[in-house]
Amino acid sequence: MLLMSEDKDKELIAAEFHEIWSEWMGFIFRQCIKNPDGSVYIPKEFVDHWVKRMGTKYEDLPEEAKGWQRENAAKFIKILEE
C-alpha cells in the first residue's frame, strides 16, 4: 500500500479530485434550467435518477456508470505511478 506522505502527492490528488468535481458540476448545471434570479431548477427526472444512483452500491451500477468511475480511478492510478 502506498502512503501519501508528501505534500506534493496530496496536492496532485487534491487537484484531480477538484477536476472530477468540476466536470461533474458542469454536467449537472447543463441539465438544469436557469431561473431569472440566477438560481437553477433541476428537472425531476434528473433528481430521481441521481437519488437512485446515490443509493446504489458500485457493484450494482449499470456498466456505463461503472465506466465513468473506472475512468476516474485510472486517473488516480496514473498519479500514484508517477
Protein backbone atom coordinates (compact mmCIF):
# COMPACT_ATOMS: atom_id res chain seq x y z
CA MET A 1 0.00 0.00 0.00
CA LEU A 2 1.32 3.42 -0.92
CA LEU A 3 1.25 6.10 1.70
CA MET A 4 0.85 9.69 0.58
CA SER A 5 3.21 11.43 2.95
CA GLU A 6 4.50 14.19 0.72
CA ASP A 7 2.55 17.40 0.28
CA LYS A 8 3.20 17.25 -3.47
CA ASP A 9 1.40 13.90 -3.74
CA LYS A 10 -1.52 15.18 -1.71
CA GLU A 11 -1.73 18.27 -3.92
CA LEU A 12 -1.73 16.19 -7.11
CA ILE A 13 -4.55 14.01 -5.81
CA ALA A 14 -6.49 17.00 -4.46
CA ALA A 15 -6.18 18.70 -7.86
CA GLU A 16 -7.56 15.58 -9.56
CA PHE A 17 -10.47 15.41 -7.11
CA HIS A 18 -11.22 19.04 -7.93
CA GLU A 19 -11.08 18.37 -11.68
CA ILE A 20 -13.52 15.46 -11.38
CA TRP A 21 -15.83 17.53 -9.17
CA SER A 22 -15.68 20.47 -11.59
CA GLU A 23 -16.56 18.24 -14.55
CA TRP A 24 -19.48 16.74 -12.62
CA MET A 25 -20.83 20.11 -11.51
CA GLY A 26 -20.60 21.40 -15.08
CA PHE A 27 -22.60 18.39 -16.23
CA ILE A 28 -25.24 18.98 -13.56
CA PHE A 29 -25.62 22.66 -14.35
CA ARG A 30 -26.01 21.87 -18.06
CA GLN A 31 -29.03 19.70 -17.12
CA CYS A 32 -30.63 22.50 -15.08
CA ILE A 33 -32.93 25.29 -16.08
CA LYS A 34 -31.55 28.70 -15.13
CA ASN A 35 -34.01 30.98 -13.37
CA PRO A 36 -34.07 34.76 -13.94
CA ASP A 37 -32.54 35.34 -10.48
CA GLY A 38 -29.51 33.15 -11.30
CA SER A 39 -30.64 30.13 -9.30
CA VAL A 40 -31.30 26.87 -11.10
CA TYR A 41 -34.09 24.34 -11.26
CA ILE A 42 -33.14 20.67 -11.54
CA PRO A 43 -35.82 18.79 -13.51
CA LYS A 44 -37.46 15.98 -11.56
CA GLU A 45 -36.26 13.22 -13.88
CA PHE A 46 -32.63 14.11 -13.13
CA VAL A 47 -33.25 14.35 -9.39
CA ASP A 48 -34.95 10.94 -9.40
CA HIS A 49 -32.13 9.39 -11.43
CA TRP A 50 -29.32 10.82 -9.28
CA VAL A 51 -31.05 9.99 -5.99
CA LYS A 52 -31.40 6.40 -7.19
CA ARG A 53 -27.72 6.30 -8.21
CA MET A 54 -26.63 7.71 -4.84
CA GLY A 55 -28.34 4.81 -3.13
CA THR A 56 -26.78 2.20 -5.41
CA LYS A 57 -23.64 0.31 -4.46
CA TYR A 58 -20.86 0.35 -7.06
CA GLU A 59 -21.22 -3.35 -7.85
CA ASP A 60 -24.92 -2.82 -8.64
CA LEU A 61 -24.37 0.14 -11.01
CA PRO A 62 -25.01 -0.31 -14.72
CA GLU A 63 -21.86 -0.77 -16.79
CA GLU A 64 -21.97 2.76 -18.25
CA ALA A 65 -21.90 4.25 -14.74
CA LYS A 66 -19.09 1.90 -13.71
CA GLY A 67 -17.16 3.04 -16.78
CA TRP A 68 -17.13 6.65 -15.56
CA GLN A 69 -15.93 5.51 -12.14
CA ARG A 70 -13.23 3.38 -13.74
CA GLU A 71 -12.00 6.33 -15.81
CA ASN A 72 -11.65 8.38 -12.63
CA ALA A 73 -9.87 5.52 -10.84
CA ALA A 74 -7.40 5.31 -13.74
CA LYS A 75 -6.54 8.98 -13.25
CA PHE A 76 -5.60 8.31 -9.63
CA ILE A 77 -3.61 5.21 -10.52
CA LYS A 78 -1.63 7.29 -13.00
CA ILE A 79 -0.85 9.87 -10.29
CA LEU A 80 0.30 7.14 -7.89
CA GLU A 81 2.52 5.53 -10.54
CA GLU A 82 4.30 8.77 -11.46
